[in-house]
Amino acid sequence: MKIYSTIFSVKNNFKISDIKAVAFDIDGTLYRTWKLNLRMSLHFLCHNIFFLHYGIARKELRKLPADKNFVQLQDQIMAKRLKCTEEEAHKKLDKVVYTGLKKYFPHIKPCKGVVELIKKLKANGYKIALLSDFPPEQKGDTWGLLEYCDVVLGSEDVGALKPAKEAFEALAVALDLPAEQILYVGNSHKYDVEGSKNAGFKSAWLTSVISGFFGKKSDLADVTFSRYSQLEKIFFDES
């Protein structure tokens, strides 16, 4: 493995010339998760039991095959856990999770350099995509990046949560590219790295700055980085 520094590594067999599109996870990747957690701490405390059930429901959903009726299936699972009707579960999910969290995102700053990198990638001919386990529209205009995206997909669109292979396959189809020509960037090793690699994608793992400082890297991901300036170096460093 080629080492640029203790916090930045690229596999020797990774060729940037093979990449035609760069796709990004949103939550924890375009912005650091702690920024949302800090702002929604009171909201979480007010709905902590609901979020406990929601987390368990999402784990159940990740074990199931892709289903075009994803939203209804999620409502069914939550209704059983909350002991209410599916309609009531749907309304609670919207109130607490979907609409409930939407108000926080305009106040969250994206990771340093990611907006500039995506604009630069687009200007240099790369296709840009977003694939998230949550509705991308929840983030509003996604820090002004939507206009640069060729494809934007959420779990409700593809009917599956990462690391399901179907989610990444749907992304490749939407981009009209073979999986090996797509670099998927995400912060979750289990969902983003393992999921994308299982679908034949190239993968870039965004670690925390602290993990990067201590040299934590992935043997599975093609790229491990902790700052977007490092990822930009892969694409545009001519030295």
C-alpha atoms as a PDB file:
ATOM      1  CA  MET A   1       0.000   0.000   0.000  1.00  0.00           C
ATOM      2  CA  LYS A   2       1.365   3.388  -1.011  1.00  0.00           C
ATOM      3  CA  ILE A   3       1.587   5.747   1.959  1.00  0.00           C
ATOM      4  CA  TYR A   4       1.400   9.518   1.455  1.00  0.00           C
ATOM      5  CA  SER A   5       1.380  10.190   5.197  1.00  0.00           C
ATOM      6  CA  THR A   6       0.307   8.517   8.395  1.00  0.00           C
ATOM      7  CA  ILE A   7      -3.273   9.671   7.789  1.00  0.00           C
ATOM      8  CA  PHE A   8      -3.603   9.186   4.053  1.00  0.00           C
ATOM      9  CA  SER A   9      -3.199   5.965   2.066  1.00  0.00           C
ATOM     10  CA  VAL A  10      -3.940   4.742  -1.439  1.00  0.00           C
ATOM     11  CA  LYS A  11      -3.705   1.170  -2.680  1.00  0.00           C
ATOM     12  CA  ASN A  12      -1.011   0.578  -5.264  1.00  0.00           C
ATOM     13  CA  ASN A  13      -3.470  -0.910  -7.761  1.00  0.00           C
ATOM     14  CA  PHE A  14      -5.840   2.065  -7.591  1.00  0.00           C
ATOM     15  CA  LYS A  15      -5.751   4.110 -10.794  1.00  0.00           C
ATOM     16  CA  ILE A  16      -7.475   7.468 -10.864  1.00  0.00           C
ATOM     17  CA  SER A  17      -7.629   7.219 -14.659  1.00  0.00           C
ATOM     18  CA  ASP A  18     -10.202   4.419 -14.260  1.00  0.00           C
ATOM     19  CA  ILE A  19     -12.644   6.673 -12.398  1.00  0.00           C
ATOM     20  CA  LYS A  20     -15.434   8.372 -14.331  1.00  0.00           C
ATOM     21  CA  ALA A  21     -17.766   9.263 -11.465  1.00  0.00           C
ATOM     22  CA  VAL A  22     -17.461  10.109  -7.780  1.00  0.00           C
ATOM     23  CA  ALA A  23     -20.413   9.359  -5.509  1.00  0.00           C
ATOM     24  CA  PHE A  24     -20.791  10.554  -1.941  1.00  0.00           C
ATOM     25  CA  ASP A  25     -22.688   9.463   1.106  1.00  0.00           C
ATOM     26  CA  ILE A  26     -24.244  12.501   2.827  1.00  0.00           C
ATOM     27  CA  ASP A  27     -24.577  12.022   6.583  1.00  0.00           C
ATOM     28  CA  GLY A  28     -21.183  11.904   8.247  1.00  0.00           C
ATOM     29  CA  THR A  29     -19.454  12.366   4.897  1.00  0.00           C
ATOM     30  CA  LEU A  30     -20.439  15.764   3.522  1.00  0.00           C
ATOM     31  CA  TYR A  31     -20.594  16.985   7.119  1.00  0.00           C
ATOM     32  CA  ARG A  32     -19.231  15.561  10.365  1.00  0.00           C
ATOM     33  CA  THR A  33     -21.831  13.643  12.369  1.00  0.00           C
ATOM     34  CA  TRP A  34     -20.911  15.327  15.648  1.00  0.00           C
ATOM     35  CA  LYS A  35     -22.144  18.634  14.269  1.00  0.00           C
ATOM     36  CA  LEU A  36     -25.671  17.239  13.878  1.00  0.00           C
ATOM     37  CA  ASN A  37     -25.545  15.351  17.163  1.00  0.00           C
ATOM     38  CA  LEU A  38     -24.605  18.515  19.007  1.00  0.00           C
ATOM     39  CA  ARG A  39     -27.467  20.530  17.538  1.00  0.00           C
ATOM     40  CA  MET A  40     -30.096  17.817  17.937  1.00  0.00           C
ATOM     41  CA  SER A  41     -29.130  16.743  21.453  1.00  0.00           C
ATOM     42  CA  LEU A  42     -32.264  18.214  23.052  1.00  0.00           C
ATOM     43  CA  HIS A  43     -34.442  16.799  20.257  1.00  0.00           C
ATOM     44  CA  PHE A  44     -32.913  13.377  20.852  1.00  0.00           C
ATOM     45  CA  LEU A  45     -33.490  13.549  24.601  1.00  0.00           C
ATOM     46  CA  CYS A  46     -37.132  14.478  24.034  1.00  0.00           C
ATOM     47  CA  HIS A  47     -37.605  11.491  21.718  1.00  0.00           C
ATOM     48  CA  ASN A  48     -34.984   9.060  23.023  1.00  0.00           C
ATOM     49  CA  ILE A  49     -37.357   6.078  23.260  1.00  0.00           C
ATOM     50  CA  PHE A  50     -38.571   6.683  19.721  1.00  0.00           C
ATOM     51  CA  PHE A  51     -35.002   6.847  18.409  1.00  0.00           C
ATOM     52  CA  LEU A  52     -34.219   3.599  20.227  1.00  0.00           C
ATOM     53  CA  HIS A  53     -37.051   1.837  18.378  1.00  0.00           C
ATOM     54  CA  TYR A  54     -36.089   3.563  15.150  1.00  0.00           C
ATOM     55  CA  GLY A  55     -32.504   2.340  15.395  1.00  0.00           C
ATOM     56  CA  ILE A  56     -33.658  -1.244  15.933  1.00  0.00           C
ATOM     57  CA  ALA A  57     -36.114  -0.956  13.033  1.00  0.00           C
ATOM     58  CA  ARG A  58     -33.361   0.250  10.715  1.00  0.00           C
ATOM     59  CA  LYS A  59     -31.192  -2.727  11.710  1.00  0.00           C
ATOM     60  CA  GLU A  60     -34.071  -5.012  10.757  1.00  0.00           C
ATOM     61  CA  LEU A  61     -34.484  -3.233   7.437  1.00  0.00           C
ATOM     62  CA  ARG A  62     -30.806  -3.643   6.597  1.00  0.00           C
ATOM     63  CA  LYS A  63     -31.219  -7.417   6.813  1.00  0.00           C
ATOM     64  CA  LEU A  64     -34.087  -7.471   4.309  1.00  0.00           C
ATOM     65  CA  PRO A  65     -33.847  -7.588   0.500  1.00  0.00           C
ATOM     66  CA  ALA A  66     -34.587  -4.470  -1.528  1.00  0.00           C
ATOM     67  CA  ASP A  67     -38.281  -3.609  -1.573  1.00  0.00           C
ATOM     68  CA  LYS A  68     -39.912  -0.911  -3.676  1.00  0.00           C
ATOM     69  CA  ASN A  69     -42.379  -0.446  -0.822  1.00  0.00           C
ATOM     70  CA  PHE A  70     -39.569   0.560   1.546  1.00  0.00           C
ATOM     71  CA  VAL A  71     -41.514   3.396   3.198  1.00  0.00           C
ATOM     72  CA  GLN A  72     -44.528   1.187   3.896  1.00  0.00           C
ATOM     73  CA  LEU A  73     -42.301  -1.594   5.218  1.00  0.00           C
ATOM     74  CA  GLN A  74     -40.576   0.826   7.577  1.00  0.00           C
ATOM     75  CA  ASP A  75     -43.986   2.056   8.759  1.00  0.00           C
ATOM     76  CA  GLN A  76     -45.047  -1.540   9.446  1.00  0.00           C
ATOM     77  CA  ILE A  77     -41.955  -2.340  11.511  1.00  0.00           C
ATOM     78  CA  MET A  78     -42.228   0.880  13.509  1.00  0.00           C
ATOM     79  CA  ALA A  79     -45.971   0.362  14.068  1.00  0.00           C
ATOM     80  CA  LYS A  80     -45.265  -3.018  15.666  1.00  0.00           C
ATOM     81  CA  ARG A  81     -42.555  -1.593  17.870  1.00  0.00           C
ATOM     82  CA  LEU A  82     -44.567   1.463  18.928  1.00  0.00           C
ATOM     83  CA  LYS A  83     -47.816  -0.525  19.193  1.00  0.00           C
ATOM     84  CA  CYS A  84     -49.739   1.879  16.989  1.00  0.00           C
ATOM     85  CA  THR A  85     -51.240   1.943  13.497  1.00  0.00           C
ATOM     86  CA  GLU A  86     -49.068   2.218  10.397  1.00  0.00           C
ATOM     87  CA  GLU A  87     -50.543   5.641   9.702  1.00  0.00           C
ATOM     88  CA  GLU A  88     -49.609   6.827  13.194  1.00  0.00           C
ATOM     89  CA  ALA A  89     -46.110   5.379  12.806  1.00  0.00           C
ATOM     90  CA  HIS A  90     -45.701   7.176   9.480  1.00  0.00           C
ATOM     91  CA  LYS A  91     -46.728  10.502  11.015  1.00  0.00           C
ATOM     92  CA  LYS A  92     -44.365  10.006  13.967  1.00  0.00           C
ATOM     93  CA  LEU A  93     -41.476   9.132  11.654  1.00  0.00           C
ATOM     94  CA  ASP A  94     -42.038  12.315   9.707  1.00  0.00           C
ATOM     95  CA  LYS A  95     -42.438  14.467  12.801  1.00  0.00           C
ATOM     96  CA  VAL A  96     -39.399  13.130  14.644  1.00  0.00           C
ATOM     97  CA  VAL A  97     -36.987  12.047  11.894  1.00  0.00           C
ATOM     98  CA  TYR A  98     -37.697  13.387   8.430  1.00  0.00           C
ATOM     99  CA  THR A  99     -39.240  16.812   8.989  1.00  0.00           C
ATOM    100  CA  GLY A 100     -38.099  16.818  12.601  1.00  0.00           C
ATOM    101  CA  LEU A 101     -34.391  16.880  11.718  1.00  0.00           C
ATOM    102  CA  LYS A 102     -34.662  19.012   8.593  1.00  0.00           C
ATOM    103  CA  LYS A 103     -34.473  22.285  10.504  1.00  0.00           C
ATOM    104  CA  TYR A 104     -30.983  21.546  11.803  1.00  0.00           C
ATOM    105  CA  PHE A 105     -29.157  21.168   8.489  1.00  0.00           C
ATOM    106  CA  PRO A 106     -29.144  24.815   7.350  1.00  0.00           C
ATOM    107  CA  HIS A 107     -27.046  25.557  10.446  1.00  0.00           C
ATOM    108  CA  ILE A 108     -24.505  22.780   9.881  1.00  0.00           C
ATOM    109  CA  LYS A 109     -21.363  23.562   7.920  1.00  0.00           C
ATOM    110  CA  PRO A 110     -20.072  20.940   5.462  1.00  0.00           C
ATOM    111  CA  CYS A 111     -16.619  19.419   5.819  1.00  0.00           C
ATOM    112  CA  LYS A 112     -13.828  21.787   4.894  1.00  0.00           C
ATOM    113  CA  GLY A 113     -13.034  21.520   1.201  1.00  0.00           C
ATOM    114  CA  VAL A 114     -15.780  19.125   0.143  1.00  0.00           C
ATOM    115  CA  VAL A 115     -17.928  21.697  -1.683  1.00  0.00           C
ATOM    116  CA  GLU A 116     -14.916  23.041  -3.554  1.00  0.00           C
ATOM    117  CA  LEU A 117     -13.750  19.518  -4.424  1.00  0.00           C
ATOM    118  CA  ILE A 118     -17.119  18.484  -5.862  1.00  0.00           C
ATOM    119  CA  LYS A 119     -17.291  21.634  -7.974  1.00  0.00           C
ATOM    120  CA  LYS A 120     -13.763  20.994  -9.235  1.00  0.00           C
ATOM    121  CA  LEU A 121     -14.532  17.359 -10.034  1.00  0.00           C
ATOM    122  CA  LYS A 122     -17.606  18.384 -11.995  1.00  0.00           C
ATOM    123  CA  ALA A 123     -15.687  21.051 -13.887  1.00  0.00           C
ATOM    124  CA  ASN A 124     -13.128  18.411 -14.868  1.00  0.00           C
ATOM    125  CA  GLY A 125     -15.696  16.080 -16.403  1.00  0.00           C
ATOM    126  CA  TYR A 126     -16.452  13.648 -13.589  1.00  0.00           C
ATOM    127  CA  LYS A 127     -20.033  12.598 -12.958  1.00  0.00           C
ATOM    128  CA  ILE A 128     -21.180  13.407  -9.431  1.00  0.00           C
ATOM    129  CA  ALA A 129     -23.715  11.476  -7.367  1.00  0.00           C
ATOM    130  CA  LEU A 130     -25.183  11.285  -3.879  1.00  0.00           C
ATOM    131  CA  LEU A 131     -26.445   8.060  -2.297  1.00  0.00           C
ATOM    132  CA  SER A 132     -27.871   8.334   1.200  1.00  0.00           C
ATOM    133  CA  ASP A 133     -29.809   6.191   3.655  1.00  0.00           C
ATOM    134  CA  PHE A 134     -32.008   9.240   4.241  1.00  0.00           C
ATOM    135  CA  PRO A 135     -33.956  11.417   1.780  1.00  0.00           C
ATOM    136  CA  PRO A 136     -31.420  13.843   0.271  1.00  0.00           C
ATOM    137  CA  GLU A 137     -34.128  16.531   0.140  1.00  0.00           C
ATOM    138  CA  GLN A 138     -34.067  16.532   3.934  1.00  0.00           C
ATOM    139  CA  LYS A 139     -30.867  18.562   3.619  1.00  0.00           C
ATOM    140  CA  GLY A 140     -32.491  21.283   1.504  1.00  0.00           C
ATOM    141  CA  ASP A 141     -30.164  22.249  -1.342  1.00  0.00           C
ATOM    142  CA  THR A 142     -27.393  20.139   0.238  1.00  0.00           C
ATOM    143  CA  TRP A 143     -25.058  23.098   0.667  1.00  0.00           C
ATOM    144  CA  GLY A 144     -25.610  24.177  -2.941  1.00  0.00           C
ATOM    145  CA  LEU A 145     -24.305  20.894  -4.368  1.00  0.00           C
ATOM    146  CA  LEU A 146     -27.462  19.535  -5.984  1.00  0.00           C
ATOM    147  CA  GLU A 147     -26.916  21.513  -9.162  1.00  0.00           C
ATOM    148  CA  TYR A 148     -23.596  19.724  -9.649  1.00  0.00           C
ATOM    149  CA  CYS A 149     -25.058  16.234  -9.198  1.00  0.00           C
ATOM    150  CA  ASP A 150     -25.919  13.930 -12.089  1.00  0.00           C
ATOM    151  CA  VAL A 151     -27.690  11.468  -9.761  1.00  0.00           C
ATOM    152  CA  VAL A 152     -29.218  11.864  -6.294  1.00  0.00           C
ATOM    153  CA  LEU A 153     -30.688   8.787  -4.612  1.00  0.00           C
ATOM    154  CA  GLY A 154     -32.047   7.984  -1.160  1.00  0.00           C
ATOM    155  CA  SER A 155     -33.054   4.697   0.445  1.00  0.00           C
ATOM    156  CA  GLU A 156     -36.688   5.391  -0.381  1.00  0.00           C
ATOM    157  CA  ASP A 157     -35.760   5.594  -4.069  1.00  0.00           C
ATOM    158  CA  VAL A 158     -33.780   2.356  -4.220  1.00  0.00           C
ATOM    159  CA  GLY A 159     -35.824   0.434  -1.641  1.00  0.00           C
ATOM    160  CA  ALA A 160     -32.834  -0.630   0.422  1.00  0.00           C
ATOM    161  CA  LEU A 161     -30.420   0.630   3.043  1.00  0.00           C
ATOM    162  CA  LYS A 162     -26.670   0.353   2.711  1.00  0.00           C
ATOM    163  CA  PRO A 163     -24.730  -1.911   2.715  1.00  0.00           C
ATOM    164  CA  ALA A 164     -27.275  -3.672   0.474  1.00  0.00           C
ATOM    165  CA  LYS A 165     -25.742  -4.451  -2.904  1.00  0.00           C
ATOM    166  CA  GLU A 166     -28.966  -3.338  -4.594  1.00  0.00           C
ATOM    167  CA  ALA A 167     -28.503   0.241  -3.395  1.00  0.00           C
ATOM    168  CA  PHE A 168     -25.133   0.544  -5.112  1.00  0.00           C
ATOM    169  CA  GLU A 169     -26.289  -1.319  -8.195  1.00  0.00           C
ATOM    170  CA  ALA A 170     -29.128   1.183  -8.571  1.00  0.00           C
ATOM    171  CA  LEU A 171     -26.573   3.982  -8.356  1.00  0.00           C
ATOM    172  CA  ALA A 172     -24.434   2.447 -11.099  1.00  0.00           C
ATOM    173  CA  VAL A 173     -27.483   2.050 -13.339  1.00  0.00           C
ATOM    174  CA  ALA A 174     -28.523   5.657 -12.745  1.00  0.00           C
ATOM    175  CA  LEU A 175     -25.000   6.863 -13.580  1.00  0.00           C
ATOM    176  CA  ASP A 176     -24.916   4.596 -16.652  1.00  0.00           C
ATOM    177  CA  LEU A 177     -21.438   3.409 -15.728  1.00  0.00           C
ATOM    178  CA  PRO A 178     -19.893   0.078 -14.739  1.00  0.00           C
ATOM    179  CA  ALA A 179     -19.329  -0.187 -10.997  1.00  0.00           C
ATOM    180  CA  GLU A 180     -15.529  -0.277 -11.299  1.00  0.00           C
ATOM    181  CA  GLN A 181     -15.530   3.226 -12.802  1.00  0.00           C
ATOM    182  CA  ILE A 182     -17.252   4.744  -9.757  1.00  0.00           C
ATOM    183  CA  LEU A 183     -15.476   5.874  -6.591  1.00  0.00           C
ATOM    184  CA  TYR A 184     -17.823   5.858  -3.605  1.00  0.00           C
ATOM    185  CA  VAL A 185     -16.887   8.131  -0.706  1.00  0.00           C
ATOM    186  CA  GLY A 186     -18.291   7.461   2.752  1.00  0.00           C
ATOM    187  CA  ASN A 187     -17.522   7.597   6.459  1.00  0.00           C
ATOM    188  CA  SER A 188     -18.998   4.248   7.520  1.00  0.00           C
ATOM    189  CA  HIS A 189     -16.680   1.319   6.923  1.00  0.00           C
ATOM    190  CA  LYS A 190     -19.475  -1.224   7.347  1.00  0.00           C
ATOM    191  CA  TYR A 191     -22.097   0.491   5.215  1.00  0.00           C
ATOM    192  CA  ASP A 192     -20.129   2.616   2.747  1.00  0.00           C
ATOM    193  CA  VAL A 193     -16.840   0.792   2.238  1.00  0.00           C
ATOM    194  CA  GLU A 194     -17.961  -2.826   2.569  1.00  0.00           C
ATOM    195  CA  GLY A 195     -21.215  -2.130   0.729  1.00  0.00           C
ATOM    196  CA  SER A 196     -19.621  -0.379  -2.230  1.00  0.00           C
ATOM    197  CA  LYS A 197     -16.759  -2.863  -2.558  1.00  0.00           C
ATOM    198  CA  ASN A 198     -19.203  -5.763  -2.481  1.00  0.00           C
ATOM    199  CA  ALA A 199     -20.959  -4.158  -5.456  1.00  0.00           C
ATOM    200  CA  GLY A 200     -17.701  -3.800  -7.383  1.00  0.00           C
ATOM    201  CA  PHE A 201     -17.124  -0.076  -6.769  1.00  0.00           C
ATOM    202  CA  LYS A 202     -13.894   1.625  -5.859  1.00  0.00           C
ATOM    203  CA  SER A 203     -14.125   3.006  -2.346  1.00  0.00           C
ATOM    204  CA  ALA A 204     -12.759   5.935  -0.356  1.00  0.00           C
ATOM    205  CA  TRP A 205     -13.114   5.894   3.422  1.00  0.00           C
ATOM    206  CA  LEU A 206     -13.348   9.190   5.294  1.00  0.00           C
ATOM    207  CA  THR A 207     -12.085   8.627   8.834  1.00  0.00           C
ATOM    208  CA  SER A 208     -12.333  11.018  11.736  1.00  0.00           C
ATOM    209  CA  VAL A 209      -9.466  13.478  12.105  1.00  0.00           C
ATOM    210  CA  ILE A 210      -8.486  11.757  15.354  1.00  0.00           C
ATOM    211  CA  SER A 211      -8.419   8.310  13.722  1.00  0.00           C
ATOM    212  CA  GLY A 212      -6.419   9.777  10.876  1.00  0.00           C
ATOM    213  CA  PHE A 213      -3.937  11.314  13.293  1.00  0.00           C
ATOM    214  CA  PHE A 214      -3.232   7.868  14.732  1.00  0.00           C
ATOM    215  CA  GLY A 215      -2.822   6.384  11.258  1.00  0.00           C
ATOM    216  CA  LYS A 216      -6.001   4.306  11.168  1.00  0.00           C
ATOM    217  CA  LYS A 217      -6.589   3.019   7.664  1.00  0.00           C
ATOM    218  CA  SER A 218      -8.613   0.384   5.846  1.00  0.00           C
ATOM    219  CA  ASP A 219      -7.177  -2.659   4.098  1.00  0.00           C
ATOM    220  CA  LEU A 220     -10.401  -2.891   2.082  1.00  0.00           C
ATOM    221  CA  ALA A 221     -10.921   0.690   0.910  1.00  0.00           C
ATOM    222  CA  ASP A 222      -8.904   1.841  -2.089  1.00  0.00           C
ATOM    223  CA  VAL A 223      -8.355   5.193  -0.397  1.00  0.00           C
ATOM    224  CA  THR A 224      -8.294   6.141   3.287  1.00  0.00           C
ATOM    225  CA  PHE A 225      -8.312   9.839   4.116  1.00  0.00           C
ATOM    226  CA  SER A 226      -9.317  12.208   6.911  1.00  0.00           C
ATOM    227  CA  ARG A 227      -9.345  15.554   5.084  1.00  0.00           C
ATOM    228  CA  TYR A 228     -10.787  16.439   1.694  1.00  0.00           C
ATOM    229  CA  SER A 229      -7.564  18.179   0.705  1.00  0.00           C
ATOM    230  CA  GLN A 230      -6.046  14.688   0.686  1.00  0.00           C
ATOM    231  CA  LEU A 231      -8.735  13.302  -1.609  1.00  0.00           C
ATOM    232  CA  GLU A 232      -8.290  16.287  -3.915  1.00  0.00           C
ATOM    233  CA  LYS A 233      -4.580  15.477  -4.082  1.00  0.00           C
ATOM    234  CA  ILE A 234      -5.369  12.091  -5.630  1.00  0.00           C
ATOM    235  CA  PHE A 235      -7.291  13.666  -8.484  1.00  0.00           C
ATOM    236  CA  PHE A 236      -5.370  16.837  -9.156  1.00  0.00           C
ATOM    237  CA  ASP A 237      -1.821  16.564  -7.787  1.00  0.00           C
ATOM    238  CA  GLU A 238       0.422  16.513 -10.853  1.00  0.00           C
ATOM    239  CA  SER A 239       3.680  16.226  -8.938  1.00  0.00           C
END
